[in-house]
Amino acid sequence: MDSIFNKLPETLGIVSDFERVLSVQEKQSLLQHAEKINAESPYEVVLVTIDSIAPFEDIVTYATALGNKWSVGDEEDNNGLVILVSSNLGQAAIAPGNGIEEVFTDEVTKKIIEEKMIPHFMRSDFASGFERALREVDRIAAGKDPVQ
């Protein structure tokens, strides 16, 4: 597992746009929103675009491995949230840390991806897709029901 772990990229920060699908302005706007969530909520969010998930076969497993390698979230609370998209693969994932899986269940993350993110990604509007996901994280952090 260590050798696979070592093949993962190093973080570029809260917004890691490895595919270069976001403009400088879009990255800055997403960074500001994610930093606000990270400062004001019980979650720590990172946004990632990636062109390949090799050597992994599953995008959620890849996103979880990134979160672990990058130490997303508090080690004790395990409250990290990796929101990842690969335009090259046409896939997206939201990988919550173990400490927040009861809130960000498979059903909730699937709905966020399918209802809030994918419609924008289909138009190559990755910034809006990420922004909609961050809004849902805001809603959930405020105690509101997810995906309304």
Protein backbone atom coordinates (compact mmCIF):
# COMPACT_ATOMS: atom_id res chain seq x y z
CA MET A 1 0.00 0.00 0.00
CA ASP A 2 2.89 2.37 0.76
CA SER A 3 4.16 2.20 -2.82
CA ILE A 4 0.70 3.05 -4.17
CA PHE A 5 0.38 5.82 -1.59
CA ASN A 6 3.69 7.29 -2.80
CA LYS A 7 2.36 7.48 -6.38
CA LEU A 8 -0.32 9.95 -5.34
CA PRO A 9 0.43 13.61 -6.10
CA GLU A 10 1.41 16.12 -3.45
CA THR A 11 -1.25 18.67 -2.58
CA LEU A 12 -1.30 22.05 -4.32
CA GLY A 13 -3.39 23.46 -1.46
CA ILE A 14 -7.08 23.59 -0.63
CA VAL A 15 -7.82 23.81 -4.36
CA SER A 16 -5.60 21.35 -6.26
CA ASP A 17 -6.41 21.82 -9.94
CA PHE A 18 -4.15 19.21 -11.54
CA GLU A 19 -6.28 19.18 -14.72
CA ARG A 20 -6.03 22.96 -15.07
CA VAL A 21 -9.75 23.33 -15.75
CA LEU A 22 -10.25 26.29 -13.41
CA SER A 23 -9.28 29.89 -14.12
CA VAL A 24 -7.21 31.86 -11.62
CA GLN A 25 -10.35 33.78 -10.60
CA GLU A 26 -12.39 30.59 -10.18
CA LYS A 27 -9.67 29.00 -8.03
CA GLN A 28 -9.52 32.12 -5.86
CA SER A 29 -13.29 32.22 -5.38
CA LEU A 30 -13.43 28.49 -4.52
CA LEU A 31 -10.47 28.87 -2.19
CA GLN A 32 -12.19 31.69 -0.29
CA HIS A 33 -15.40 29.67 0.08
CA ALA A 34 -13.53 26.52 1.18
CA GLU A 35 -11.40 28.50 3.66
CA LYS A 36 -14.61 29.94 5.16
CA ILE A 37 -16.05 26.44 5.57
CA ASN A 38 -12.81 25.17 7.07
CA ALA A 39 -12.73 28.05 9.57
CA GLU A 40 -16.42 28.11 10.53
CA SER A 41 -17.63 24.51 10.28
CA PRO A 42 -16.66 21.19 11.82
CA TYR A 43 -15.31 20.07 8.42
CA GLU A 44 -12.10 20.54 6.46
CA VAL A 45 -12.72 20.57 2.72
CA VAL A 46 -10.35 20.26 -0.24
CA LEU A 47 -11.24 20.45 -3.92
CA VAL A 48 -9.33 18.41 -6.50
CA THR A 49 -9.31 17.96 -10.27
CA ILE A 50 -7.26 15.05 -11.58
CA ASP A 51 -6.80 13.50 -15.02
CA SER A 52 -6.05 9.95 -13.84
CA ILE A 53 -6.74 7.83 -10.78
CA ALA A 54 -4.05 5.26 -11.62
CA PRO A 55 -3.05 2.96 -10.01
CA PHE A 56 -6.51 2.92 -8.39
CA GLU A 57 -9.60 1.60 -10.17
CA ASP A 58 -12.23 3.39 -8.10
CA ILE A 59 -12.47 7.18 -7.85
CA VAL A 60 -13.84 7.17 -4.28
CA THR A 61 -10.95 4.98 -3.13
CA TYR A 62 -8.58 7.37 -4.88
CA ALA A 63 -10.18 10.42 -3.22
CA THR A 64 -10.01 8.71 0.19
CA ALA A 65 -6.33 7.87 -0.35
CA LEU A 66 -5.62 11.50 -1.29
CA GLY A 67 -7.37 12.68 1.86
CA ASN A 68 -5.27 10.32 3.94
CA LYS A 69 -1.98 11.22 2.25
CA TRP A 70 -2.68 14.95 2.49
CA SER A 71 -3.97 14.68 6.10
CA VAL A 72 -7.24 16.39 5.24
CA GLY A 73 -9.19 17.00 8.42
CA ASP A 74 -8.32 16.77 12.06
CA GLU A 75 -6.56 13.52 12.92
CA GLU A 76 -8.67 13.00 16.03
CA ASP A 77 -12.05 13.99 14.54
CA ASN A 78 -11.35 12.55 11.07
CA ASN A 79 -13.53 15.31 9.62
CA GLY A 80 -11.91 15.78 6.20
CA LEU A 81 -13.92 15.98 3.00
CA VAL A 82 -12.29 15.51 -0.41
CA ILE A 83 -14.41 16.72 -3.34
CA LEU A 84 -12.81 15.42 -6.52
CA VAL A 85 -13.60 15.49 -10.22
CA SER A 86 -11.85 14.06 -13.24
CA SER A 87 -13.08 15.64 -16.45
CA ASN A 88 -10.79 13.27 -18.34
CA LEU A 89 -12.56 10.24 -16.84
CA GLY A 90 -16.00 11.84 -16.58
CA GLN A 91 -16.23 10.93 -12.89
CA ALA A 92 -16.62 12.70 -9.56
CA ALA A 93 -16.36 11.67 -5.91
CA ILE A 94 -16.90 13.02 -2.43
CA ALA A 95 -14.87 11.17 0.18
CA PRO A 96 -15.64 11.98 3.82
CA GLY A 97 -13.38 11.07 6.70
CA ASN A 98 -14.60 8.32 9.01
CA GLY A 99 -15.65 10.88 11.60
CA ILE A 100 -18.27 12.46 9.31
CA GLU A 101 -19.52 9.46 7.33
CA GLU A 102 -22.76 9.49 9.34
CA VAL A 103 -23.46 12.98 8.00
CA PHE A 104 -22.01 12.55 4.50
CA THR A 105 -23.47 9.13 3.79
CA ASP A 106 -23.15 7.43 0.41
CA GLU A 107 -26.71 8.57 -0.34
CA VAL A 108 -25.98 12.21 0.53
CA THR A 109 -22.72 12.35 -1.42
CA LYS A 110 -24.33 10.66 -4.43
CA LYS A 111 -27.16 13.23 -4.43
CA ILE A 112 -24.73 16.14 -4.15
CA ILE A 113 -22.72 14.80 -7.07
CA GLU A 114 -25.67 13.91 -9.28
CA GLU A 115 -27.97 16.84 -8.51
CA LYS A 116 -25.59 19.71 -7.74
CA MET A 117 -22.29 18.98 -9.47
CA ILE A 118 -22.80 16.88 -12.60
CA PRO A 119 -25.23 19.28 -14.35
CA HIS A 120 -22.46 21.92 -14.31
CA PHE A 121 -19.66 19.50 -15.10
CA MET A 122 -21.61 18.34 -18.18
CA ARG A 123 -21.21 21.90 -19.48
CA SER A 124 -17.51 21.96 -18.48
CA ASP A 125 -18.41 24.49 -15.78
CA PHE A 126 -16.29 22.93 -13.07
CA ALA A 127 -16.19 26.01 -10.85
CA SER A 128 -20.00 26.12 -10.57
CA GLY A 129 -20.14 22.38 -9.85
CA PHE A 130 -17.63 22.75 -7.02
CA GLU A 131 -19.43 25.87 -5.77
CA ARG A 132 -22.75 23.98 -5.59
CA ALA A 133 -21.03 21.21 -3.61
CA LEU A 134 -19.56 23.77 -1.19
CA ARG A 135 -23.01 25.31 -0.72
CA GLU A 136 -24.34 21.90 0.28
CA VAL A 137 -21.50 21.50 2.78
CA ASP A 138 -22.48 24.94 4.17
CA ARG A 139 -26.11 23.83 4.48
CA ILE A 140 -25.18 20.61 6.23
CA ALA A 141 -22.80 22.45 8.59
CA ALA A 142 -25.69 24.80 9.46
CA GLY A 143 -27.78 21.79 10.47
CA LYS A 144 -30.04 21.83 7.43
CA ASP A 145 -31.12 18.75 5.55
CA PRO A 146 -28.75 17.98 2.68
CA VAL A 147 -29.65 18.35 -0.99
CA GLN A 148 -32.78 20.46 -1.04
